[in-house]
Each structure stands twice: as structure tokens, then as C-alpha cells.
Amino acid sequence: MKKRILTLAALAAIVTTPAHATGMIAGATFPEQIVQELTLVEQYATQAQQLQAQFQMVFNQARNLQNMPQQLWTNASAPLQQLVQLVGNAQGLSYASQNTVAAIQQEYGAPSAPLSNYANSLQQWTSNLNSQVAGTLQQYGLHAADFQTTQSALQAIQDQSQSASGRMQVLQAGNQISGLMVNQMQSLQSDIQAGNQVMLNYVATRQNSVQHSQNNEDQLLSNPTPQVY
């Protein structure tokens, strides 16, 4: 996996362009943005696995309890906050990647089918994530509307923590969401790796075409056709 990312990063370094993306880094070039997206998705995928392990440990301790005691809640509180941040960060990364695709399409003319397919897959990923998280929250008696933003989600968790039964509900939901985030981040990582390869190839092809046209024009200017008198 790391070798794959290094290969894409190397290609990004080769494909130089002054154009600017509108993603995670303000003012970044397309290659810089692409490398950043690859780095972040790998970090988020690793974090999802770590959070799942933490949730599973606490969940196993509370599994046979009717309500969750305060001492176990202390162990679950920090991972819950990190999980909320992870979901928000992953959504932000998906939107930023979609913006990168749109910026490249705008910069280099008519969109290609592979780029459009990549953008569609990112949109579908975001939709799937949102529906799965909302379904899980509803399953445990929580309201998805209370988890629409990071701030509201953290407040909802704080409110639920005031009762033992509420703490158990949040833990159960967090444990399930952490599991689905592992799968979701693996899916997003695969999409971004493949999609960014498509983007880099597309940019390289377009730049080669422009350079070829420029070379032909320079050659014509340097070797004008002799005039016949």
C-alpha cells in the first residue's frame, strides 16, 4: 500500500502545473493536492482501525451490563470524540477530492469519462456513509439530526452521557459506526488511489498534447517556408 502511494506521489512530482486546486490545501497545485489527499486517506484509514480496536475493548467490558457505569464511560468518551472528528474529516476529504476533479476538468477543458466516474464514485461514497451512520444512530434510539455537525454531535454525546442507559446507547452506536468506518475508509482509500492515478494520467496527457502543439508551432516559426518569387 505504501509502495502504491509512493508511486503516485512520484508521478505527481513529475506532472507539474501552475493550476490550483480547491481542496484541502489553499493555493496548492494539483500534484500537491493529490499527494495530500493520498496522505490523509491513509491516515484516516489507520485511525479508523485504531478506533475500532478501542471501542471493541470497552464494548466487551460493558457487554453484559444493563447500563454503562461512569468508569467505563471515561474510557469511551475520548474515542467517541475522535470518531466524530474522523467521520467529519472523511466527509471533508471526499468533498475536497470532488473539488479537485472539478478544478482539473475546468482547467483542461471537456471532462473525460474516467474523471466523471471518479467524481460520481466519491459522491456515492459520501451518500452511503451518511445513510449508514444515520441508520445506526436510529437503531440505538439516537437522532441523526443531532449529529449533523461536529459541534452538535459532541453536544448530543454529552447529553446522552448524563444517564447510564444513554451512555450505553452511545457506546453501542459508536462501536458499530467504528466498524463501518473501517470498511468505509478502505473503500475511500481505494477510490482515491485509483482516481488520483486517473487524474495524474489525464493531466500528463493533456500537458503532453499542449507541449506537442507548442513544439510544432516553434518549429514552424524557426523554419519558415521559403517564399517563391
Protein backbone atom coordinates (compact mmCIF):
# COMPACT_ATOMS: atom_id res chain seq x y z
CA MET A 1 0.00 0.00 0.00
CA LYS A 2 2.77 2.43 0.91
CA LYS A 3 4.62 1.49 -2.29
CA ARG A 4 1.47 2.32 -4.25
CA ILE A 5 1.20 5.76 -2.65
CA LEU A 6 4.88 6.47 -3.24
CA THR A 7 4.43 5.60 -6.91
CA LEU A 8 1.55 8.06 -7.25
CA ALA A 9 3.48 10.69 -5.33
CA ALA A 10 6.42 10.28 -7.69
CA LEU A 11 4.13 10.69 -10.70
CA ALA A 12 2.60 13.78 -9.11
CA ALA A 13 6.06 15.28 -8.75
CA ILE A 14 6.68 14.76 -12.46
CA VAL A 15 3.37 16.26 -13.59
CA THR A 16 3.97 19.94 -12.81
CA THR A 17 1.27 22.52 -13.42
CA PRO A 18 0.68 26.09 -12.17
CA ALA A 19 -3.06 25.45 -11.86
CA HIS A 20 -4.52 25.48 -8.36
CA ALA A 21 -6.95 23.03 -6.84
CA THR A 22 -9.72 23.98 -4.43
CA GLY A 23 -9.35 21.14 -1.96
CA MET A 24 -7.71 20.62 1.43
CA ILE A 25 -4.76 22.97 0.85
CA ALA A 26 -5.45 26.57 -0.09
CA GLY A 27 -3.38 27.56 -3.11
CA ALA A 28 -2.00 24.05 -3.69
CA THR A 29 -1.06 22.89 -7.15
CA PHE A 30 -2.85 19.82 -8.49
CA PRO A 31 0.06 17.48 -7.70
CA GLU A 32 0.36 18.90 -4.18
CA GLN A 33 -3.35 18.45 -3.61
CA ILE A 34 -3.29 14.88 -4.94
CA VAL A 35 -0.40 13.87 -2.68
CA GLN A 36 -2.18 15.47 0.31
CA GLU A 37 -5.37 13.50 -0.43
CA LEU A 38 -3.39 10.26 -0.62
CA THR A 39 -1.64 11.00 2.66
CA LEU A 40 -4.82 11.91 4.50
CA VAL A 41 -6.86 8.93 3.35
CA GLU A 42 -4.10 6.60 4.53
CA GLN A 43 -4.01 8.36 7.93
CA TYR A 44 -7.79 8.19 8.29
CA ALA A 45 -7.88 4.50 7.36
CA THR A 46 -5.29 3.75 10.04
CA GLN A 47 -7.16 5.85 12.59
CA ALA A 48 -10.41 4.00 11.84
CA GLN A 49 -8.74 0.68 12.64
CA GLN A 50 -7.30 2.03 15.88
CA LEU A 51 -10.66 3.44 16.99
CA GLN A 52 -12.44 0.18 16.22
CA ALA A 53 -9.99 -1.67 18.50
CA GLN A 54 -10.57 0.84 21.31
CA PHE A 55 -14.34 0.64 21.00
CA GLN A 56 -14.30 -3.14 20.90
CA MET A 57 -12.31 -3.27 24.13
CA VAL A 58 -14.73 -1.02 26.01
CA PHE A 59 -17.76 -2.69 24.43
CA ASN A 60 -16.58 -6.12 25.56
CA GLN A 61 -16.22 -4.83 29.10
CA ALA A 62 -19.76 -3.42 29.08
CA ARG A 63 -21.40 -6.17 27.01
CA ASN A 64 -23.13 -7.99 29.88
CA LEU A 65 -24.10 -4.85 31.79
CA GLN A 66 -27.62 -3.45 31.57
CA ASN A 67 -26.32 0.10 31.87
CA MET A 68 -22.88 1.55 31.38
CA PRO A 69 -21.16 2.73 34.60
CA GLN A 70 -19.32 6.04 34.74
CA GLN A 71 -15.85 4.45 34.96
CA LEU A 72 -16.30 2.68 31.63
CA TRP A 73 -17.71 5.84 30.07
CA THR A 74 -14.42 7.59 30.81
CA ASN A 75 -12.65 5.04 28.59
CA ALA A 76 -15.21 5.52 25.80
CA SER A 77 -15.51 9.31 25.84
CA ALA A 78 -12.25 10.16 24.06
CA PRO A 79 -12.68 7.56 21.26
CA LEU A 80 -16.23 8.84 20.70
CA GLN A 81 -14.97 12.37 20.17
CA GLN A 82 -12.26 11.10 17.85
CA LEU A 83 -14.82 9.06 15.91
CA VAL A 84 -16.99 12.15 15.41
CA GLN A 85 -13.94 14.03 14.13
CA LEU A 86 -12.99 11.14 11.84
CA VAL A 87 -16.40 10.99 10.21
CA GLY A 88 -16.30 14.75 9.60
CA ASN A 89 -12.73 14.64 8.28
CA ALA A 90 -13.53 11.77 5.93
CA GLN A 91 -16.53 13.63 4.55
CA GLY A 92 -14.38 16.72 4.09
CA LEU A 93 -11.76 14.72 2.24
CA SER A 94 -14.38 13.30 -0.11
CA TYR A 95 -15.72 16.79 -0.89
CA ALA A 96 -12.17 18.13 -1.37
CA SER A 97 -11.39 15.30 -3.78
CA GLN A 98 -14.54 16.10 -5.74
CA ASN A 99 -13.41 19.73 -5.91
CA THR A 100 -10.03 18.63 -7.26
CA VAL A 101 -11.73 16.67 -10.03
CA ALA A 102 -13.92 19.64 -10.93
CA ALA A 103 -10.93 22.01 -10.95
CA ILE A 104 -8.95 19.72 -13.25
CA GLN A 105 -11.91 19.36 -15.60
CA GLN A 106 -12.31 23.14 -15.69
CA GLU A 107 -8.60 23.72 -16.25
CA TYR A 108 -8.17 21.21 -19.07
CA GLY A 109 -11.42 21.52 -20.94
CA ALA A 110 -14.12 18.93 -21.56
CA PRO A 111 -14.33 16.33 -18.79
CA SER A 112 -13.21 12.80 -19.55
CA ALA A 113 -15.40 9.80 -18.70
CA PRO A 114 -12.92 8.31 -16.17
CA LEU A 115 -12.77 11.61 -14.26
CA SER A 116 -16.57 11.88 -14.20
CA ASN A 117 -16.82 8.29 -13.00
CA TYR A 118 -14.37 9.06 -10.19
CA ALA A 119 -16.37 12.11 -9.09
CA ASN A 120 -19.56 10.04 -9.12
CA SER A 121 -17.95 7.32 -7.00
CA LEU A 122 -16.93 9.94 -4.40
CA GLN A 123 -20.48 11.31 -4.30
CA GLN A 124 -21.86 7.81 -3.87
CA TRP A 125 -19.37 7.10 -1.10
CA THR A 126 -20.47 10.18 0.84
CA SER A 127 -24.13 9.29 0.39
CA ASN A 128 -23.53 5.72 1.58
CA LEU A 129 -21.59 6.89 4.63
CA ASN A 130 -24.27 9.36 5.66
CA SER A 131 -27.08 6.83 5.28
CA GLN A 132 -25.22 4.13 7.20
CA VAL A 133 -24.35 6.45 10.07
CA ALA A 134 -27.93 7.77 10.23
CA GLY A 135 -29.31 4.21 10.20
CA THR A 136 -27.01 3.14 13.01
CA LEU A 137 -27.93 6.13 15.17
CA GLN A 138 -31.61 5.47 14.64
CA GLN A 139 -31.13 1.81 15.55
CA TYR A 140 -29.94 2.83 19.02
CA GLY A 141 -32.59 5.48 19.63
CA LEU A 142 -30.41 8.44 18.63
CA HIS A 143 -31.44 11.18 16.23
CA ALA A 144 -29.30 11.69 13.12
CA ALA A 145 -30.26 15.38 13.09
CA ASP A 146 -28.32 15.81 16.34
CA PHE A 147 -25.16 14.53 14.66
CA GLN A 148 -25.18 16.70 11.52
CA THR A 149 -22.17 18.75 12.60
CA THR A 150 -19.18 18.02 14.79
CA GLN A 151 -20.33 20.52 17.40
CA SER A 152 -23.91 19.18 17.57
CA ALA A 153 -22.65 15.59 17.67
CA LEU A 154 -20.35 16.27 20.59
CA GLN A 155 -23.18 18.05 22.40
CA ALA A 156 -25.52 15.11 21.75
CA ILE A 157 -22.93 12.72 23.18
CA GLN A 158 -22.55 14.94 26.23
CA ASP A 159 -26.32 15.00 26.74
CA GLN A 160 -26.58 11.21 26.45
CA SER A 161 -23.78 10.73 28.96
CA GLN A 162 -25.94 12.12 31.74
CA SER A 163 -27.66 8.75 32.19
CA ALA A 164 -26.34 5.19 32.37
CA SER A 165 -28.75 3.98 29.68
CA GLY A 166 -27.80 6.91 27.43
CA ARG A 167 -24.13 6.09 27.80
CA MET A 168 -24.82 2.51 26.76
CA GLN A 169 -26.76 3.64 23.68
CA VAL A 170 -23.94 5.91 22.55
CA LEU A 171 -21.34 3.22 23.16
CA GLN A 172 -23.30 0.68 21.11
CA ALA A 173 -23.73 3.15 18.27
CA GLY A 174 -20.08 4.20 18.43
CA ASN A 175 -18.91 0.60 18.38
CA GLN A 176 -20.96 -0.17 15.27
CA ILE A 177 -20.05 3.07 13.50
CA SER A 178 -16.34 2.49 14.19
CA GLY A 179 -16.66 -0.88 12.48
CA LEU A 180 -18.38 0.52 9.41
CA MET A 181 -15.80 3.34 9.25
CA VAL A 182 -13.04 0.76 8.81
CA ASN A 183 -14.81 -0.55 5.72
CA GLN A 184 -15.75 2.91 4.51
CA MET A 185 -12.20 4.24 4.81
CA GLN A 186 -10.79 1.23 2.98
CA SER A 187 -13.30 1.90 0.20
CA LEU A 188 -12.46 5.62 0.08
CA GLN A 189 -8.75 4.86 0.09
CA SER A 190 -9.18 2.54 -2.88
CA ASP A 191 -11.28 5.14 -4.73
CA ILE A 192 -8.81 7.97 -4.12
CA GLN A 193 -5.77 5.91 -5.09
CA ALA A 194 -7.36 4.80 -8.35
CA GLY A 195 -8.99 8.17 -9.05
CA ASN A 196 -5.85 10.19 -8.44
CA GLN A 197 -3.94 7.90 -10.78
CA VAL A 198 -6.58 8.68 -13.41
CA MET A 199 -6.25 12.41 -12.75
CA LEU A 200 -2.46 12.38 -12.96
CA ASN A 201 -2.56 10.42 -16.21
CA TYR A 202 -5.17 12.79 -17.61
CA VAL A 203 -3.18 15.90 -16.67
CA ALA A 204 0.01 14.39 -18.09
CA THR A 205 -1.73 13.51 -21.36
CA ARG A 206 -3.22 16.98 -21.71
CA GLN A 207 0.07 18.66 -20.92
CA ASN A 208 1.91 16.46 -23.43
CA SER A 209 -0.65 17.41 -26.07
CA VAL A 210 -0.19 21.11 -25.32
CA GLN A 211 3.60 20.73 -25.36
CA HIS A 212 3.48 18.85 -28.66
CA SER A 213 1.42 21.63 -30.24
CA GLN A 214 3.82 24.22 -28.87
CA ASN A 215 6.82 22.33 -30.25
CA ASN A 216 5.22 22.17 -33.70
CA GLU A 217 4.47 25.88 -33.58
CA ASP A 218 8.03 26.69 -32.51
CA GLN A 219 9.39 24.54 -35.30
CA LEU A 220 7.28 26.33 -37.88
CA LEU A 221 8.41 29.72 -36.60
CA SER A 222 12.07 28.72 -36.61
CA ASN A 223 11.87 27.15 -40.10
CA PRO A 224 9.52 29.32 -42.13
CA THR A 225 8.50 28.12 -45.58
CA PRO A 226 10.68 29.89 -48.16
CA GLN A 227 8.77 32.31 -50.36
CA VAL A 228 8.67 31.62 -54.12
CA TYR A 229 9.06 34.70 -56.33
